[in-house]
Amino acid sequence: MNAYDVILSPVLSEKAVSAIQSGKYSFYVHPQANRVQIREAVETAFKVDVVKVNLVTVKGKIKSLGRFSGRSPERKKAIVTLKPGQRIEQLEGLS
């Protein structure tokens, strides 16, 4: 798995965008990716130094339409803390 297969997309929630001020960036990542792969992927893709990686499995929500119900897929979210003073330029316009 290369760096661009591990990171799927940035998280654009209000909480994730406000955490950018403190140097924490959130990404949806591949479900089988581990901390070491995520660290290497972020460092390779954005040319920054990663201090810490926290992982969260986001459970899928139950959606219903009339008598039919389904479930949205589960996703894995990584909260990446960067070295103080470093920023990811591509995601700076979000805050």
PDB file of N, CA and C in Angstrom:
ATOM      1  N   MET A   1       0.845  -1.174   0.000  1.00  0.00           N
ATOM      2  CA  MET A   1       0.000   0.000   0.000  1.00  0.00           C
ATOM      3  C   MET A   1       0.894   1.242   0.000  1.00  0.00           C
ATOM      4  N   ASN A   2       0.724   2.136  -0.984  1.00  0.00           N
ATOM      5  CA  ASN A   2       1.543   3.340  -0.986  1.00  0.00           C
ATOM      6  C   ASN A   2       0.847   4.468  -0.207  1.00  0.00           C
ATOM      7  N   ALA A   3       1.516   5.601  -0.098  1.00  0.00           N
ATOM      8  CA  ALA A   3       1.031   6.697   0.746  1.00  0.00           C
ATOM      9  C   ALA A   3      -0.320   7.224   0.293  1.00  0.00           C
ATOM     10  N   TYR A   4      -0.563   7.213  -1.000  1.00  0.00           N
ATOM     11  CA  TYR A   4      -1.805   7.781  -1.504  1.00  0.00           C
ATOM     12  C   TYR A   4      -2.965   6.783  -1.447  1.00  0.00           C
ATOM     13  N   ASP A   5      -2.695   5.518  -1.162  1.00  0.00           N
ATOM     14  CA  ASP A   5      -3.757   4.543  -0.918  1.00  0.00           C
ATOM     15  C   ASP A   5      -4.194   4.558   0.541  1.00  0.00           C
ATOM     16  N   VAL A   6      -3.311   4.967   1.443  1.00  0.00           N
ATOM     17  CA  VAL A   6      -3.606   4.954   2.873  1.00  0.00           C
ATOM     18  C   VAL A   6      -4.539   6.106   3.234  1.00  0.00           C
ATOM     19  N   ILE A   7      -4.242   7.318   2.779  1.00  0.00           N
ATOM     20  CA  ILE A   7      -5.058   8.491   3.103  1.00  0.00           C
ATOM     21  C   ILE A   7      -6.183   8.587   2.083  1.00  0.00           C
ATOM     22  N   LEU A   8      -7.427   8.515   2.548  1.00  0.00           N
ATOM     23  CA  LEU A   8      -8.564   8.590   1.645  1.00  0.00           C
ATOM     24  C   LEU A   8      -9.037  10.022   1.442  1.00  0.00           C
ATOM     25  N   SER A   9      -9.254  10.771   2.541  1.00  0.00           N
ATOM     26  CA  SER A   9      -9.689  12.158   2.434  1.00  0.00           C
ATOM     27  C   SER A   9      -9.524  12.848   3.785  1.00  0.00           C
ATOM     28  N   PRO A  10      -9.436  14.186   3.781  1.00  0.00           N
ATOM     29  CA  PRO A  10      -9.424  14.899   5.061  1.00  0.00           C
ATOM     30  C   PRO A  10     -10.829  14.968   5.644  1.00  0.00           C
ATOM     31  N   VAL A  11     -10.911  15.083   6.958  1.00  0.00           N
ATOM     32  CA  VAL A  11     -12.200  15.221   7.634  1.00  0.00           C
ATOM     33  C   VAL A  11     -12.517  16.712   7.701  1.00  0.00           C
ATOM     34  N   LEU A  12     -13.700  17.100   7.252  1.00  0.00           N
ATOM     35  CA  LEU A  12     -14.053  18.515   7.170  1.00  0.00           C
ATOM     36  C   LEU A  12     -15.149  18.901   8.153  1.00  0.00           C
ATOM     37  N   SER A  13     -15.224  18.228   9.289  1.00  0.00           N
ATOM     38  CA  SER A  13     -16.218  18.590  10.297  1.00  0.00           C
ATOM     39  C   SER A  13     -15.762  19.845  11.033  1.00  0.00           C
ATOM     40  N   GLU A  14     -16.681  20.460  11.741  1.00  0.00           N
ATOM     41  CA  GLU A  14     -16.368  21.687  12.475  1.00  0.00           C
ATOM     42  C   GLU A  14     -15.317  21.426  13.558  1.00  0.00           C
ATOM     43  N   LYS A  15     -15.419  20.311  14.238  1.00  0.00           N
ATOM     44  CA  LYS A  15     -14.466  19.962  15.289  1.00  0.00           C
ATOM     45  C   LYS A  15     -13.076  19.716  14.709  1.00  0.00           C
ATOM     46  N   ALA A  16     -13.004  19.014  13.574  1.00  0.00           N
ATOM     47  CA  ALA A  16     -11.708  18.711  12.956  1.00  0.00           C
ATOM     48  C   ALA A  16     -11.043  19.972  12.419  1.00  0.00           C
ATOM     49  N   VAL A  17     -11.827  20.870  11.839  1.00  0.00           N
ATOM     50  CA  VAL A  17     -11.260  22.108  11.286  1.00  0.00           C
ATOM     51  C   VAL A  17     -10.765  23.014  12.412  1.00  0.00           C
ATOM     52  N   SER A  18     -11.455  23.041  13.546  1.00  0.00           N
ATOM     53  CA  SER A  18     -10.994  23.875  14.664  1.00  0.00           C
ATOM     54  C   SER A  18      -9.739  23.284  15.324  1.00  0.00           C
ATOM     55  N   ALA A  19      -9.531  21.972  15.215  1.00  0.00           N
ATOM     56  CA  ALA A  19      -8.341  21.341  15.793  1.00  0.00           C
ATOM     57  C   ALA A  19      -7.079  21.644  14.983  1.00  0.00           C
ATOM     58  N   ILE A  20      -7.239  22.133  13.759  1.00  0.00           N
ATOM     59  CA  ILE A  20      -6.080  22.484  12.928  1.00  0.00           C
ATOM     60  C   ILE A  20      -5.267  23.588  13.593  1.00  0.00           C
ATOM     61  N   GLN A  21      -5.915  24.462  14.345  1.00  0.00           N
ATOM     62  CA  GLN A  21      -5.208  25.554  15.032  1.00  0.00           C
ATOM     63  C   GLN A  21      -4.167  25.023  16.014  1.00  0.00           C
ATOM     64  N   SER A  22      -4.422  23.854  16.600  1.00  0.00           N
ATOM     65  CA  SER A  22      -3.484  23.274  17.561  1.00  0.00           C
ATOM     66  C   SER A  22      -2.559  22.236  16.933  1.00  0.00           C
ATOM     67  N   GLY A  23      -2.547  22.153  15.601  1.00  0.00           N
ATOM     68  CA  GLY A  23      -1.618  21.255  14.913  1.00  0.00           C
ATOM     69  C   GLY A  23      -2.096  19.826  14.788  1.00  0.00           C
ATOM     70  N   LYS A  24      -3.416  19.595  14.912  1.00  0.00           N
ATOM     71  CA  LYS A  24      -3.977  18.248  14.784  1.00  0.00           C
ATOM     72  C   LYS A  24      -4.831  18.197  13.523  1.00  0.00           C
ATOM     73  N   TYR A  25      -4.492  17.266  12.635  1.00  0.00           N
ATOM     74  CA  TYR A  25      -5.197  17.114  11.372  1.00  0.00           C
ATOM     75  C   TYR A  25      -5.884  15.754  11.356  1.00  0.00           C
ATOM     76  N   SER A  26      -7.111  15.716  10.842  1.00  0.00           N
ATOM     77  CA  SER A  26      -7.894  14.479  10.811  1.00  0.00           C
ATOM     78  C   SER A  26      -8.071  14.013   9.371  1.00  0.00           C
ATOM     79  N   PHE A  27      -7.916  12.703   9.172  1.00  0.00           N
ATOM     80  CA  PHE A  27      -8.062  12.100   7.857  1.00  0.00           C
ATOM     81  C   PHE A  27      -8.863  10.817   7.977  1.00  0.00           C
ATOM     82  N   TYR A  28      -9.673  10.529   6.942  1.00  0.00           N
ATOM     83  CA  TYR A  28     -10.232   9.201   6.813  1.00  0.00           C
ATOM     84  C   TYR A  28      -9.164   8.359   6.130  1.00  0.00           C
ATOM     85  N   VAL A  29      -8.898   7.174   6.681  1.00  0.00           N
ATOM     86  CA  VAL A  29      -7.815   6.332   6.178  1.00  0.00           C
ATOM     87  C   VAL A  29      -8.342   4.949   5.814  1.00  0.00           C
ATOM     88  N   HIS A  30      -7.519   4.173   5.142  1.00  0.00           N
ATOM     89  CA  HIS A  30      -7.869   2.816   4.735  1.00  0.00           C
ATOM     90  C   HIS A  30      -8.136   1.979   5.985  1.00  0.00           C
ATOM     91  N   PRO A  31      -9.181   1.153   5.976  1.00  0.00           N
ATOM     92  CA  PRO A  31      -9.544   0.393   7.181  1.00  0.00           C
ATOM     93  C   PRO A  31      -8.462  -0.559   7.692  1.00  0.00           C
ATOM     94  N   GLN A  32      -7.582  -1.057   6.819  1.00  0.00           N
ATOM     95  CA  GLN A  32      -6.525  -1.969   7.270  1.00  0.00           C
ATOM     96  C   GLN A  32      -5.212  -1.257   7.573  1.00  0.00           C
ATOM     97  N   ALA A  33      -5.171   0.063   7.463  1.00  0.00           N
ATOM     98  CA  ALA A  33      -3.928   0.801   7.716  1.00  0.00           C
ATOM     99  C   ALA A  33      -3.647   0.858   9.213  1.00  0.00           C
ATOM    100  N   ASN A  34      -2.358   0.729   9.579  1.00  0.00           N
ATOM    101  CA  ASN A  34      -1.982   0.844  10.979  1.00  0.00           C
ATOM    102  C   ASN A  34      -1.280   2.180  11.220  1.00  0.00           C
ATOM    103  N   ARG A  35      -0.888   2.437  12.472  1.00  0.00           N
ATOM    104  CA  ARG A  35      -0.302   3.727  12.838  1.00  0.00           C
ATOM    105  C   ARG A  35       0.982   4.025  12.070  1.00  0.00           C
ATOM    106  N   VAL A  36       1.824   3.023  11.895  1.00  0.00           N
ATOM    107  CA  VAL A  36       3.107   3.224  11.216  1.00  0.00           C
ATOM    108  C   VAL A  36       2.872   3.592   9.748  1.00  0.00           C
ATOM    109  N   GLN A  37       1.951   2.911   9.083  1.00  0.00           N
ATOM    110  CA  GLN A  37       1.648   3.220   7.687  1.00  0.00           C
ATOM    111  C   GLN A  37       1.049   4.614   7.540  1.00  0.00           C
ATOM    112  N   ILE A  38       0.194   5.004   8.475  1.00  0.00           N
ATOM    113  CA  ILE A  38      -0.427   6.330   8.423  1.00  0.00           C
ATOM    114  C   ILE A  38       0.620   7.406   8.644  1.00  0.00           C
ATOM    115  N   ARG A  39       1.523   7.192   9.601  1.00  0.00           N
ATOM    116  CA  ARG A  39       2.600   8.156   9.867  1.00  0.00           C
ATOM    117  C   ARG A  39       3.458   8.349   8.617  1.00  0.00           C
ATOM    118  N   GLU A  40       3.874   7.246   7.999  1.00  0.00           N
ATOM    119  CA  GLU A  40       4.716   7.330   6.805  1.00  0.00           C
ATOM    120  C   GLU A  40       3.978   7.992   5.649  1.00  0.00           C
ATOM    121  N   ALA A  41       2.675   7.705   5.515  1.00  0.00           N
ATOM    122  CA  ALA A  41       1.893   8.280   4.422  1.00  0.00           C
ATOM    123  C   ALA A  41       1.768   9.796   4.561  1.00  0.00           C
ATOM    124  N   VAL A  42       1.487  10.274   5.768  1.00  0.00           N
ATOM    125  CA  VAL A  42       1.346  11.721   5.987  1.00  0.00           C
ATOM    126  C   VAL A  42       2.692  12.413   5.803  1.00  0.00           C
ATOM    127  N   GLU A  43       3.755  11.823   6.326  1.00  0.00           N
ATOM    128  CA  GLU A  43       5.078  12.425   6.175  1.00  0.00           C
ATOM    129  C   GLU A  43       5.502  12.476   4.708  1.00  0.00           C
ATOM    130  N   THR A  44       5.185  11.431   3.936  1.00  0.00           N
ATOM    131  CA  THR A  44       5.551  11.398   2.525  1.00  0.00           C
ATOM    132  C   THR A  44       4.709  12.359   1.691  1.00  0.00           C
ATOM    133  N   ALA A  45       3.409  12.349   1.914  1.00  0.00           N
ATOM    134  CA  ALA A  45       2.502  13.146   1.086  1.00  0.00           C
ATOM    135  C   ALA A  45       2.612  14.636   1.354  1.00  0.00           C
ATOM    136  N   PHE A  46       2.797  15.028   2.619  1.00  0.00           N
ATOM    137  CA  PHE A  46       2.761  16.449   2.970  1.00  0.00           C
ATOM    138  C   PHE A  46       4.102  17.017   3.411  1.00  0.00           C
ATOM    139  N   LYS A  47       5.153  16.207   3.467  1.00  0.00           N
ATOM    140  CA  LYS A  47       6.508  16.659   3.837  1.00  0.00           C
ATOM    141  C   LYS A  47       6.532  17.348   5.205  1.00  0.00           C
ATOM    142  N   VAL A  48       5.966  16.670   6.219  1.00  0.00           N
ATOM    143  CA  VAL A  48       5.941  17.177   7.597  1.00  0.00           C
ATOM    144  C   VAL A  48       6.434  16.076   8.530  1.00  0.00           C
ATOM    145  N   ASP A  49       6.664  16.428   9.799  1.00  0.00           N
ATOM    146  CA  ASP A  49       7.073  15.464  10.818  1.00  0.00           C
ATOM    147  C   ASP A  49       5.890  15.172  11.726  1.00  0.00           C
ATOM    148  N   VAL A  50       5.526  13.897  11.861  1.00  0.00           N
ATOM    149  CA  VAL A  50       4.392  13.477  12.680  1.00  0.00           C
ATOM    150  C   VAL A  50       4.908  13.077  14.062  1.00  0.00           C
ATOM    151  N   VAL A  51       4.253  13.608  15.098  1.00  0.00           N
ATOM    152  CA  VAL A  51       4.620  13.295  16.475  1.00  0.00           C
ATOM    153  C   VAL A  51       3.769  12.149  17.011  1.00  0.00           C
ATOM    154  N   LYS A  52       2.462  12.149  16.681  1.00  0.00           N
ATOM    155  CA  LYS A  52       1.538  11.207  17.285  1.00  0.00           C
ATOM    156  C   LYS A  52       0.402  10.889  16.315  1.00  0.00           C
ATOM    157  N   VAL A  53      -0.087   9.650  16.354  1.00  0.00           N
ATOM    158  CA  VAL A  53      -1.220   9.232  15.534  1.00  0.00           C
ATOM    159  C   VAL A  53      -2.247   8.553  16.433  1.00  0.00           C
ATOM    160  N   ASN A  54      -3.458   9.097  16.472  1.00  0.00           N
ATOM    161  CA  ASN A  54      -4.568   8.480  17.198  1.00  0.00           C
ATOM    162  C   ASN A  54      -5.559   7.930  16.187  1.00  0.00           C
ATOM    163  N   LEU A  55      -6.107   6.744  16.450  1.00  0.00           N
ATOM    164  CA  LEU A  55      -7.049   6.113  15.536  1.00  0.00           C
ATOM    165  C   LEU A  55      -8.416   5.967  16.189  1.00  0.00           C
ATOM    166  N   VAL A  56      -9.468   6.204  15.381  1.00  0.00           N
ATOM    167  CA  VAL A  56     -10.845   6.065  15.839  1.00  0.00           C
ATOM    168  C   VAL A  56     -11.609   5.316  14.761  1.00  0.00           C
ATOM    169  N   THR A  57     -12.372   4.293  15.148  1.00  0.00           N
ATOM    170  CA  THR A  57     -13.255   3.615  14.207  1.00  0.00           C
ATOM    171  C   THR A  57     -14.630   4.247  14.349  1.00  0.00           C
ATOM    172  N   VAL A  58     -15.096   4.887  13.268  1.00  0.00           N
ATOM    173  CA  VAL A  58     -16.382   5.571  13.271  1.00  0.00           C
ATOM    174  C   VAL A  58     -17.443   4.564  12.833  1.00  0.00           C
ATOM    175  N   LYS A  59     -18.370   4.273  13.721  1.00  0.00           N
ATOM    176  CA  LYS A  59     -19.432   3.306  13.416  1.00  0.00           C
ATOM    177  C   LYS A  59     -20.406   3.893  12.393  1.00  0.00           C
ATOM    178  N   GLY A  60     -20.968   3.029  11.558  1.00  0.00           N
ATOM    179  CA  GLY A  60     -21.942   3.458  10.565  1.00  0.00           C
ATOM    180  C   GLY A  60     -23.286   3.763  11.207  1.00  0.00           C
ATOM    181  N   LYS A  61     -23.990   4.739  10.658  1.00  0.00           N
ATOM    182  CA  LYS A  61     -25.303   5.105  11.172  1.00  0.00           C
ATOM    183  C   LYS A  61     -26.383   4.289  10.480  1.00  0.00           C
ATOM    184  N   ILE A  62     -27.485   4.057  11.193  1.00  0.00           N
ATOM    185  CA  ILE A  62     -28.617   3.351  10.610  1.00  0.00           C
ATOM    186  C   ILE A  62     -29.480   4.374   9.881  1.00  0.00           C
ATOM    187  N   LYS A  63     -29.727   4.119   8.610  1.00  0.00           N
ATOM    188  CA  LYS A  63     -30.562   4.991   7.787  1.00  0.00           C
ATOM    189  C   LYS A  63     -31.818   4.219   7.418  1.00  0.00           C
ATOM    190  N   SER A  64     -32.965   4.876   7.434  1.00  0.00           N
ATOM    191  CA  SER A  64     -34.192   4.177   7.069  1.00  0.00           C
ATOM    192  C   SER A  64     -35.003   5.023   6.099  1.00  0.00           C
ATOM    193  N   LEU A  65     -35.699   4.330   5.214  1.00  0.00           N
ATOM    194  CA  LEU A  65     -36.596   4.964   4.266  1.00  0.00           C
ATOM    195  C   LEU A  65     -37.868   4.117   4.259  1.00  0.00           C
ATOM    196  N   GLY A  66     -38.875   4.603   4.946  1.00  0.00           N
ATOM    197  CA  GLY A  66     -40.093   3.823   5.096  1.00  0.00           C
ATOM    198  C   GLY A  66     -39.841   2.603   5.956  1.00  0.00           C
ATOM    199  N   ARG A  67     -40.181   1.438   5.444  1.00  0.00           N
ATOM    200  CA  ARG A  67     -39.964   0.223   6.227  1.00  0.00           C
ATOM    201  C   ARG A  67     -38.620  -0.424   5.940  1.00  0.00           C
ATOM    202  N   PHE A  68     -37.854   0.146   5.046  1.00  0.00           N
ATOM    203  CA  PHE A  68     -36.541  -0.388   4.701  1.00  0.00           C
ATOM    204  C   PHE A  68     -35.460   0.346   5.488  1.00  0.00           C
ATOM    205  N   SER A  69     -34.516  -0.404   6.018  1.00  0.00           N
ATOM    206  CA  SER A  69     -33.429   0.243   6.742  1.00  0.00           C
ATOM    207  C   SER A  69     -32.104  -0.322   6.252  1.00  0.00           C
ATOM    208  N   GLY A  70     -31.099   0.494   6.352  1.00  0.00           N
ATOM    209  CA  GLY A  70     -29.759   0.090   5.960  1.00  0.00           C
ATOM    210  C   GLY A  70     -28.758   0.757   6.871  1.00  0.00           C
ATOM    211  N   ARG A  71     -27.519   0.542   6.583  1.00  0.00           N
ATOM    212  CA  ARG A  71     -26.474   1.076   7.442  1.00  0.00           C
ATOM    213  C   ARG A  71     -25.407   1.703   6.564  1.00  0.00           C
ATOM    214  N   SER A  72     -24.940   2.887   6.946  1.00  0.00           N
ATOM    215  CA  SER A  72     -23.829   3.494   6.228  1.00  0.00           C
ATOM    216  C   SER A  72     -22.546   2.780   6.659  1.00  0.00           C
ATOM    217  N   PRO A  73     -21.528   2.766   5.814  1.00  0.00           N
ATOM    218  CA  PRO A  73     -20.328   1.977   6.128  1.00  0.00           C
ATOM    219  C   PRO A  73     -19.518   2.551   7.286  1.00  0.00           C
ATOM    220  N   GLU A  74     -18.811   1.654   7.981  1.00  0.00           N
ATOM    221  CA  GLU A  74     -17.886   2.089   9.028  1.00  0.00           C
ATOM    222  C   GLU A  74     -16.645   2.671   8.369  1.00  0.00           C
ATOM    223  N   ARG A  75     -16.007   3.626   9.052  1.00  0.00           N
ATOM    224  CA  ARG A  75     -14.801   4.246   8.517  1.00  0.00           C
ATOM    225  C   ARG A  75     -13.763   4.347   9.626  1.00  0.00           C
ATOM    226  N   LYS A  76     -12.515   4.436   9.236  1.00  0.00           N
ATOM    227  CA  LYS A  76     -11.437   4.618  10.196  1.00  0.00           C
ATOM    228  C   LYS A  76     -10.914   6.039  10.044  1.00  0.00           C
ATOM    229  N   LYS A  77     -10.792   6.721  11.173  1.00  0.00           N
ATOM    230  CA  LYS A  77     -10.339   8.107  11.178  1.00  0.00           C
ATOM    231  C   LYS A  77      -9.032   8.188  11.947  1.00  0.00           C
ATOM    232  N   ALA A  78      -8.073   8.923  11.397  1.00  0.00           N
ATOM    233  CA  ALA A  78      -6.785   9.133  12.049  1.00  0.00           C
ATOM    234  C   ALA A  78      -6.647  10.601  12.404  1.00  0.00           C
ATOM    235  N   ILE A  79      -6.282  10.873  13.659  1.00  0.00           N
ATOM    236  CA  ILE A  79      -6.004  12.237  14.109  1.00  0.00           C
ATOM    237  C   ILE A  79      -4.491  12.320  14.276  1.00  0.00           C
ATOM    238  N   VAL A  80      -3.866  13.121  13.427  1.00  0.00           N
ATOM    239  CA  VAL A  80      -2.416  13.192  13.333  1.00  0.00           C
ATOM    240  C   VAL A  80      -1.939  14.493  13.964  1.00  0.00           C
ATOM    241  N   THR A  81      -1.027  14.401  14.931  1.00  0.00           N
ATOM    242  CA  THR A  81      -0.440  15.573  15.562  1.00  0.00           C
ATOM    243  C   THR A  81       0.931  15.822  14.947  1.00  0.00           C
ATOM    244  N   LEU A  82       1.144  17.053  14.496  1.00  0.00           N
ATOM    245  CA  LEU A  82       2.410  17.414  13.863  1.00  0.00           C
ATOM    246  C   LEU A  82       3.353  18.045  14.867  1.00  0.00           C
ATOM    247  N   LYS A  83       4.629  18.108  14.483  1.00  0.00           N
ATOM    248  CA  LYS A  83       5.647  18.770  15.284  1.00  0.00           C
ATOM    249  C   LYS A  83       5.277  20.251  15.421  1.00  0.00           C
ATOM    250  N   PRO A  84       5.507  20.869  16.585  1.00  0.00           N
ATOM    251  CA  PRO A  84       5.127  22.276  16.767  1.00  0.00           C
ATOM    252  C   PRO A  84       5.774  23.173  15.708  1.00  0.00           C
ATOM    253  N   GLY A  85       4.953  24.074  15.174  1.00  0.00           N
ATOM    254  CA  GLY A  85       5.434  25.009  14.167  1.00  0.00           C
ATOM    255  C   GLY A  85       5.237  24.534  12.737  1.00  0.00           C
ATOM    256  N   GLN A  86       4.850  23.286  12.545  1.00  0.00           N
ATOM    257  CA  GLN A  86       4.645  22.775  11.185  1.00  0.00           C
ATOM    258  C   GLN A  86       3.167  22.818  10.823  1.00  0.00           C
ATOM    259  N   ARG A  87       2.913  23.022   9.544  1.00  0.00           N
ATOM    260  CA  ARG A  87       1.551  23.105   9.039  1.00  0.00           C
ATOM    261  C   ARG A  87       1.444  22.335   7.727  1.00  0.00           C
ATOM    262  N   ILE A  88       0.246  21.913   7.387  1.00  0.00           N
ATOM    263  CA  ILE A  88      -0.025  21.326   6.075  1.00  0.00           C
ATOM    264  C   ILE A  88      -0.683  22.432   5.242  1.00  0.00           C
ATOM    265  N   GLU A  89       0.054  22.929   4.263  1.00  0.00           N
ATOM    266  CA  GLU A  89      -0.383  24.077   3.473  1.00  0.00           C
ATOM    267  C   GLU A  89      -1.696  23.809   2.729  1.00  0.00           C
ATOM    268  N   GLN A  90      -1.885  22.604   2.231  1.00  0.00           N
ATOM    269  CA  GLN A  90      -3.074  22.287   1.435  1.00  0.00           C
ATOM    270  C   GLN A  90      -4.365  22.369   2.251  1.00  0.00           C
ATOM    271  N   LEU A  91      -4.278  22.193   3.571  1.00  0.00           N
ATOM    272  CA  LEU A  91      -5.458  22.191   4.412  1.00  0.00           C
ATOM    273  C   LEU A  91      -5.609  23.465   5.233  1.00  0.00           C
ATOM    274  N   GLU A  92      -4.754  24.452   5.022  1.00  0.00           N
ATOM    275  CA  GLU A  92      -4.797  25.674   5.812  1.00  0.00           C
ATOM    276  C   GLU A  92      -6.004  26.550   5.477  1.00  0.00           C
ATOM    277  N   GLY A  93      -6.491  26.512   4.252  1.00  0.00           N
ATOM    278  CA  GLY A  93      -7.611  27.361   3.863  1.00  0.00           C
ATOM    279  C   GLY A  93      -8.933  26.946   4.488  1.00  0.00           C
ATOM    280  N   LEU A  94      -8.985  25.791   5.129  1.00  0.00           N
ATOM    281  CA  LEU A  94     -10.223  25.291   5.707  1.00  0.00           C
ATOM    282  C   LEU A  94     -10.584  25.974   7.015  1.00  0.00           C
ATOM    283  N   SER A  95      -9.584  26.434   7.747  1.00  0.00           N
ATOM    284  CA  SER A  95      -9.866  26.998   9.075  1.00  0.00           C
ATOM    285  C   SER A  95     -10.263  28.448   9.039  1.00  0.00           C
TER     286      SER A  95
END
